[in-house]
Structure formats: C-alpha cells, structure tokens
Amino acid sequence: MSAPMSESALPEPGGPHVLSGDQVAAYHRGGCLFPIDVFDPEEAMDWAARIEALPVDRLAALPAPWTQKTYILLDWLDAMMRDPRLTAVAADLLGEDLLVLSADLFHKPARSAKRISWHQDLNYWGLEPNDVVTAWVALTVAVPENGGMQYAPGKHQALTAHAEHKSDDNMLTKGQEIAVAIAPEEAVDVILMPGQVAFHHGLTPHASGPNLTDAARIGFAIRYAPTSIRQTKGPAMTARLARGTDIYGHFQLEPDPPAALSPEAMALHRAVLDPHAEFGYSTI
C-alpha cells in the first residue's frame, strides 16, 4: 500500500491547471477537497431531470445493478465524466493520464430512508498503489437534510477493517461499514450546489444519511486513477480512458458506449459487470 503523495511528488505539469498549490496540498493533507465549481448549474439540473425521467422499473430488472458503471448505459454520462473541465481537476491530483475504474449513480428519492454507512471506496478493490480519486458530482443540491455526504478528513492514510451489515436501507451492496466508529466531531458535512464537485481519496471514510426533504438528491461518483495503477487481486476490472494516453495496458479498456439504453449498451454493461456478480458487485 502506497503512502499518500507528498507535496514534493505532485504531478508534473502537462496541461492547464485548475487547482492552486494550496488546494492540492489541502487535498493530500485531508484526503478531500470541496466544493469545486466545475459544471454550470443548468447543465447539472438537466442531467438530474434526465435521470428522473429514466424507466427505473425496466432498469431495475437488468441482471446487473444499473446504478454501477452507469455511463455504459447512458452515453451522456460518459461524456460528462470525460469532460475536460472535470478531468483537469482530477489531473491536478493524479497526473495527466487518467482511467475511470468505476462510476456509480446515487439517487435518493424524496423522503427516502436510504443511507450509506461509513466506508472507504477501496475496501474490496485490489489495487496498487491506492491512488484513486472519487469525484462526486452534484446534479442537485446536496445538504445534510437531503442525505448529503459527510467526510472524516485526515483518515485516508490506510485501509481500515470493515464489517458487513447488509440491510434494506443501506445503499452499499454488502452493507460494508468501517469497524471503528467515526465520532461526530470527526465528521464534516459536504454541502454542494448543482454542478459543484467534491473530490476525495479512495481511502477517505465517508457516509450519508436519509433524504428528509420533498425533492430527490442525485449525485454521480466517478473513480479516477492514473493509468499506471495495477489490479493485484479480485475479478478483472475493465476501465475507461478518460484523459491522455495509456502506455501501461494494465486494464482492458472499454470502448465508446453505444447509444443510451440500446440493446448493445445493455449487453456491454452486463459483460463488464458479470465477473463481479459472485462478490455482490462490491469489487467494482
């Protein structure tokens, strides 16, 4: 397991930079950085409206969870996660050549009891090194009242033991939860407006509560990694090249996604997720 990057090991310049040196240092120190203005609010709200209009019953009947690697099913989400406005920020944290290893849609309907327990994104992922950045894109307002995230800054130095407590109200596939309690005073609320993004290290503990409001809370969580990262265990993951070039070839690269919700898109989505079925899709 690699140590977090020090300020002396920041990515070499390779394109226009968005973050200041202080912001990059703050990310590496605390394991999170937010809010960062990336997309126009109107764009984000349009994406949210399109998600609200999806045939959810039809998608829920798919063999694999449609909310995981959703960009394969919805090509406009693929375009969003590869947008230079977003990848430029990730490049400031990881370097110019970037993969997307996974991306999940988190939709909490109005008055939903759904929550997410305290966890680290990389708990089930066998990666070396653990240099993964999650970009959580707010498509709606995200505040404590509607189930916005909380971070535990500074606790991203190592993988923490997790226990599994699967329940109907937990949105995580195995109900995984950090075995060590996070005290309330260690948590910070992640408040985002539509189009803003929160970035966190793959080992930064985070959680979210239920939606107590009359409107949906929608976010898209994208896991970026440098192309040099390797998988050391678990079922084979595929990846999407998001920026730059991949000279390493450690992952099978996913093709451009077919038309949204087409039979071809659904077939590709199933082929990519099927190897992870026996692990409850927790390894992707």
Protein backbone atom coordinates (compact mmCIF):
# COMPACT_ATOMS: atom_id res chain seq x y z
CA MET A 1 0.00 0.00 0.00
CA SER A 2 1.47 3.30 -1.01
CA ALA A 3 1.68 6.34 1.20
CA PRO A 4 -0.29 9.45 0.19
CA MET A 5 1.57 11.66 -2.25
CA SER A 6 3.68 14.34 -0.62
CA GLU A 7 3.74 17.89 -1.87
CA SER A 8 7.15 17.17 -3.40
CA ALA A 9 5.63 14.37 -5.51
CA LEU A 10 2.82 16.34 -7.12
CA PRO A 11 2.05 15.59 -10.79
CA GLU A 12 4.31 17.20 -13.35
CA PRO A 13 2.72 19.99 -15.43
CA GLY A 14 1.03 18.63 -18.53
CA GLY A 15 -1.84 20.94 -19.30
CA PRO A 16 -3.93 23.77 -17.93
CA HIS A 17 -4.23 23.55 -14.17
CA VAL A 18 -7.39 24.32 -12.24
CA LEU A 19 -6.32 23.90 -8.62
CA SER A 20 -3.88 26.07 -6.74
CA GLY A 21 -0.90 24.58 -4.97
CA ASP A 22 -2.63 25.22 -1.65
CA GLN A 23 -5.71 23.32 -2.78
CA VAL A 24 -3.66 20.33 -3.94
CA ALA A 25 -1.76 20.32 -0.65
CA ALA A 26 -5.04 20.52 1.28
CA TYR A 27 -6.37 17.50 -0.62
CA HIS A 28 -3.31 15.39 0.17
CA ARG A 29 -3.35 16.50 3.78
CA GLY A 30 -7.05 15.87 4.47
CA GLY A 31 -7.99 13.38 1.77
CA CYS A 32 -10.79 15.57 0.44
CA LEU A 33 -11.42 18.86 -1.35
CA PHE A 34 -14.75 20.62 -1.88
CA PRO A 35 -16.67 22.40 -3.23
CA ILE A 36 -15.09 22.87 -6.65
CA ASP A 37 -17.12 24.65 -9.32
CA VAL A 38 -16.97 22.51 -12.47
CA PHE A 39 -20.26 22.46 -14.38
CA ASP A 40 -22.92 25.09 -14.92
CA PRO A 41 -25.89 24.61 -12.56
CA GLU A 42 -28.23 24.41 -15.56
CA GLU A 43 -26.22 21.52 -17.01
CA ALA A 44 -26.35 19.63 -13.75
CA MET A 45 -30.06 20.17 -13.30
CA ASP A 46 -30.69 18.99 -16.87
CA TRP A 47 -28.79 15.77 -16.14
CA ALA A 48 -30.83 15.34 -12.96
CA ALA A 49 -34.08 15.77 -14.91
CA ARG A 50 -32.96 13.18 -17.45
CA ILE A 51 -32.20 10.72 -14.65
CA GLU A 52 -35.59 11.36 -13.03
CA ALA A 53 -37.20 10.52 -16.40
CA LEU A 54 -35.45 7.16 -16.80
CA PRO A 55 -37.50 3.93 -16.92
CA VAL A 56 -36.33 2.83 -13.48
CA ASP A 57 -38.51 -0.28 -13.31
CA ARG A 58 -37.06 -1.52 -16.59
CA LEU A 59 -33.51 -0.76 -15.47
CA ALA A 60 -34.02 -2.40 -12.08
CA ALA A 61 -34.87 -5.64 -13.89
CA LEU A 62 -31.43 -5.82 -15.55
CA PRO A 63 -29.21 -8.69 -14.35
CA ALA A 64 -26.53 -6.30 -13.03
CA PRO A 65 -27.12 -3.13 -10.96
CA TRP A 66 -27.79 -0.33 -13.42
CA THR A 67 -26.52 2.29 -10.98
CA GLN A 68 -22.96 0.90 -11.26
CA LYS A 69 -20.89 1.90 -14.29
CA THR A 70 -24.00 3.75 -15.43
CA TYR A 71 -22.00 5.60 -18.08
CA ILE A 72 -22.04 2.42 -20.19
CA LEU A 73 -25.83 2.59 -20.28
CA LEU A 74 -26.06 6.38 -20.65
CA ASP A 75 -23.55 7.78 -23.12
CA TRP A 76 -24.20 11.33 -21.96
CA LEU A 77 -22.83 10.41 -18.52
CA ASP A 78 -19.76 9.03 -20.29
CA ALA A 79 -19.30 12.42 -21.97
CA MET A 80 -19.71 14.18 -18.63
CA MET A 81 -17.08 12.10 -16.80
CA ARG A 82 -14.59 12.64 -19.66
CA ASP A 83 -15.30 16.38 -19.91
CA PRO A 84 -12.00 18.32 -19.71
CA ARG A 85 -13.49 20.69 -17.15
CA LEU A 86 -13.74 17.75 -14.75
CA THR A 87 -10.72 15.69 -15.76
CA ALA A 88 -8.46 18.76 -15.49
CA VAL A 89 -9.14 18.86 -11.74
CA ALA A 90 -8.51 15.12 -11.40
CA ALA A 91 -5.29 15.56 -13.40
CA ASP A 92 -4.09 18.16 -10.90
CA LEU A 93 -4.38 15.46 -8.23
CA LEU A 94 -3.27 12.34 -10.13
CA GLY A 95 -1.41 13.33 -13.30
CA GLU A 96 -2.39 13.78 -16.92
CA ASP A 97 -3.16 10.19 -17.97
CA LEU A 98 -6.37 9.01 -16.32
CA LEU A 99 -8.63 5.99 -16.22
CA VAL A 100 -12.15 5.71 -14.84
CA LEU A 101 -12.33 2.42 -12.96
CA SER A 102 -15.98 2.77 -11.95
CA ALA A 103 -18.73 5.33 -11.61
CA ASP A 104 -21.93 4.98 -9.63
CA LEU A 105 -25.18 6.88 -9.70
CA PHE A 106 -26.57 7.72 -6.26
CA HIS A 107 -30.24 8.67 -6.35
CA LYS A 108 -32.14 9.28 -3.14
CA PRO A 109 -35.80 10.00 -3.89
CA ALA A 110 -37.76 12.44 -1.80
CA ARG A 111 -38.45 11.18 1.73
CA SER A 112 -36.20 8.17 1.18
CA ALA A 113 -34.81 6.28 4.16
CA LYS A 114 -31.84 5.12 2.10
CA ARG A 115 -28.45 5.81 3.67
CA ILE A 116 -24.80 4.92 3.17
CA SER A 117 -22.74 3.64 6.08
CA TRP A 118 -19.24 4.88 6.88
CA HIS A 119 -16.87 3.17 4.44
CA GLN A 120 -13.81 3.52 2.23
CA ASP A 121 -14.29 3.14 -1.53
CA LEU A 122 -11.28 0.84 -1.94
CA ASN A 123 -12.24 -1.73 0.68
CA TYR A 124 -12.83 -4.54 -1.82
CA TRP A 125 -10.61 -3.32 -4.66
CA GLY A 126 -7.20 -4.94 -5.01
CA LEU A 127 -5.22 -2.01 -6.43
CA GLU A 128 -1.59 -0.96 -6.18
CA PRO A 129 -0.98 1.79 -5.36
CA ASN A 130 -4.18 3.11 -3.80
CA ASP A 131 -4.05 6.38 -5.75
CA VAL A 132 -7.73 6.68 -6.61
CA VAL A 133 -9.74 9.90 -6.51
CA THR A 134 -13.53 9.87 -6.35
CA ALA A 135 -15.19 12.90 -7.94
CA TRP A 136 -18.72 13.22 -6.53
CA VAL A 137 -20.65 15.38 -8.99
CA ALA A 138 -23.74 17.05 -7.52
CA LEU A 139 -26.61 17.04 -10.00
CA THR A 140 -28.94 18.50 -7.37
CA VAL A 141 -28.36 20.37 -4.14
CA ALA A 142 -26.65 18.11 -1.60
CA VAL A 143 -27.06 19.12 2.05
CA PRO A 144 -27.39 17.21 5.34
CA GLU A 145 -31.20 17.38 5.20
CA ASN A 146 -31.42 15.50 1.88
CA GLY A 147 -28.75 12.91 2.57
CA GLY A 148 -25.59 14.78 1.57
CA MET A 149 -22.26 13.18 2.30
CA GLN A 150 -20.02 13.54 5.30
CA TYR A 151 -16.25 13.07 5.26
CA ALA A 152 -13.84 12.11 8.02
CA PRO A 153 -10.83 14.20 6.90
CA GLY A 154 -7.31 13.01 7.58
CA LYS A 155 -8.25 9.33 7.97
CA HIS A 156 -7.10 8.28 4.48
CA GLN A 157 -3.64 7.05 5.43
CA ALA A 158 -4.50 3.33 5.40
CA LEU A 159 -7.27 0.84 4.74
CA THR A 160 -9.41 0.27 7.84
CA ALA A 161 -11.13 -3.03 8.69
CA HIS A 162 -14.76 -3.21 7.59
CA ALA A 163 -17.70 -5.29 8.82
CA GLU A 164 -20.71 -6.22 6.71
CA HIS A 165 -24.20 -5.34 7.97
CA LYS A 166 -26.42 -5.63 4.93
CA SER A 167 -29.82 -4.01 5.37
CA ASP A 168 -32.63 -2.75 3.15
CA ASP A 169 -31.91 0.90 3.92
CA ASN A 170 -28.17 0.74 3.12
CA MET A 171 -27.33 1.61 -0.49
CA LEU A 172 -24.00 -0.25 -0.37
CA THR A 173 -24.17 -3.70 -1.95
CA LYS A 174 -22.81 -5.53 1.11
CA GLY A 175 -23.70 -3.02 3.79
CA GLN A 176 -19.99 -2.63 4.45
CA GLU A 177 -19.07 -0.35 7.32
CA ILE A 178 -15.82 0.73 8.93
CA ALA A 179 -15.36 -1.33 12.09
CA VAL A 180 -14.04 1.69 14.01
CA ALA A 181 -16.66 4.29 14.92
CA ILE A 182 -16.36 7.79 13.47
CA ALA A 183 -17.10 10.33 16.20
CA PRO A 184 -19.49 13.18 15.28
CA GLU A 185 -16.79 15.77 15.86
CA GLU A 186 -14.56 14.00 13.29
CA ALA A 187 -17.13 14.40 10.50
CA VAL A 188 -17.67 17.35 8.18
CA ASP A 189 -20.75 17.99 6.05
CA VAL A 190 -20.19 18.08 2.29
CA ILE A 191 -22.53 20.80 1.06
CA LEU A 192 -22.76 21.11 -2.73
CA MET A 193 -24.80 23.08 -5.23
CA PRO A 194 -25.72 21.63 -8.66
CA GLY A 195 -22.62 21.44 -10.83
CA GLN A 196 -20.19 21.51 -7.93
CA VAL A 197 -17.92 18.55 -7.23
CA ALA A 198 -16.38 17.06 -4.10
CA PHE A 199 -13.12 15.13 -4.51
CA HIS A 200 -11.96 12.51 -2.03
CA HIS A 201 -9.20 9.94 -1.80
CA GLY A 202 -10.25 6.31 -2.22
CA LEU A 203 -9.41 5.69 1.45
CA THR A 204 -11.23 8.71 2.89
CA PRO A 205 -14.12 7.50 5.08
CA HIS A 206 -17.49 8.91 4.07
CA ALA A 207 -21.17 8.30 4.73
CA SER A 208 -24.58 9.84 4.15
CA GLY A 209 -27.98 9.80 5.81
CA PRO A 210 -31.59 9.61 4.60
CA ASN A 211 -33.33 12.20 2.45
CA LEU A 212 -35.77 14.07 4.70
CA THR A 213 -36.86 16.57 2.03
CA ASP A 214 -39.51 16.66 -0.68
CA ALA A 215 -37.03 16.60 -3.57
CA ALA A 216 -34.60 14.00 -4.85
CA ARG A 217 -30.87 14.14 -4.13
CA ILE A 218 -28.79 12.92 -7.08
CA GLY A 219 -25.04 12.55 -7.45
CA PHE A 220 -22.65 10.75 -9.78
CA ALA A 221 -19.50 9.33 -8.15
CA ILE A 222 -16.60 8.81 -10.58
CA ARG A 223 -13.44 6.91 -9.57
CA TYR A 224 -10.37 8.26 -11.39
CA ALA A 225 -6.95 6.61 -11.27
CA PRO A 226 -3.62 7.11 -13.04
CA THR A 227 -3.07 4.76 -15.97
CA SER A 228 -0.08 3.30 -14.09
CA ILE A 229 -2.30 1.71 -11.41
CA ARG A 230 -2.46 -2.10 -11.29
CA GLN A 231 -5.02 -4.60 -10.07
CA THR A 232 -3.47 -7.21 -7.78
CA LYS A 233 -6.45 -9.32 -6.76
CA GLY A 234 -10.15 -9.86 -7.38
CA PRO A 235 -12.14 -10.34 -10.58
CA ALA A 236 -10.74 -8.46 -13.54
CA MET A 237 -11.86 -4.85 -13.79
CA THR A 238 -12.21 -3.00 -17.07
CA ALA A 239 -11.54 0.72 -17.35
CA ARG A 240 -12.47 3.71 -19.47
CA LEU A 241 -9.70 6.01 -20.69
CA ALA A 242 -10.78 9.45 -19.51
CA ARG A 243 -7.78 11.65 -20.33
CA GLY A 244 -4.40 11.36 -22.02
CA THR A 245 -2.96 8.04 -23.11
CA ASP A 246 -2.49 4.59 -21.57
CA ILE A 247 1.01 3.26 -22.16
CA TYR A 248 0.75 0.56 -19.49
CA GLY A 249 -2.14 -1.63 -20.62
CA HIS A 250 -2.90 -2.91 -17.12
CA PHE A 251 -6.65 -2.91 -17.79
CA GLN A 252 -8.81 -3.86 -20.72
CA LEU A 253 -10.13 -0.54 -21.97
CA GLU A 254 -13.85 -0.13 -22.53
CA PRO A 255 -15.00 1.10 -25.95
CA ASP A 256 -17.06 4.20 -26.59
CA PRO A 257 -20.50 3.42 -25.18
CA PRO A 258 -23.33 2.54 -27.55
CA ALA A 259 -26.45 4.69 -27.78
CA ALA A 260 -28.17 5.26 -24.44
CA LEU A 261 -30.23 2.29 -23.21
CA SER A 262 -29.76 0.44 -26.50
CA PRO A 263 -29.57 -3.36 -26.52
CA GLU A 264 -25.86 -3.02 -27.28
CA ALA A 265 -25.34 -0.79 -24.26
CA MET A 266 -27.16 -3.23 -22.00
CA ALA A 267 -25.14 -6.16 -23.35
CA LEU A 268 -21.85 -4.33 -22.79
CA HIS A 269 -22.90 -3.30 -19.29
CA ARG A 270 -23.70 -6.90 -18.37
CA ALA A 271 -20.45 -8.22 -19.84
CA VAL A 272 -18.41 -5.72 -17.80
CA LEU A 273 -20.24 -6.35 -14.51
CA ASP A 274 -20.85 -10.12 -14.73
CA PRO A 275 -17.39 -11.12 -13.37
CA HIS A 276 -18.24 -9.26 -10.16
CA ALA A 277 -21.65 -10.87 -9.55
CA GLU A 278 -20.41 -13.53 -7.10
CA PHE A 279 -18.92 -10.74 -4.97
CA GLY A 280 -22.19 -8.83 -4.81
CA TYR A 281 -20.73 -6.24 -7.22
CA SER A 282 -18.69 -4.84 -4.35
CA THR A 283 -15.44 -5.30 -6.29
CA ILE A 284 -16.29 -2.70 -8.91
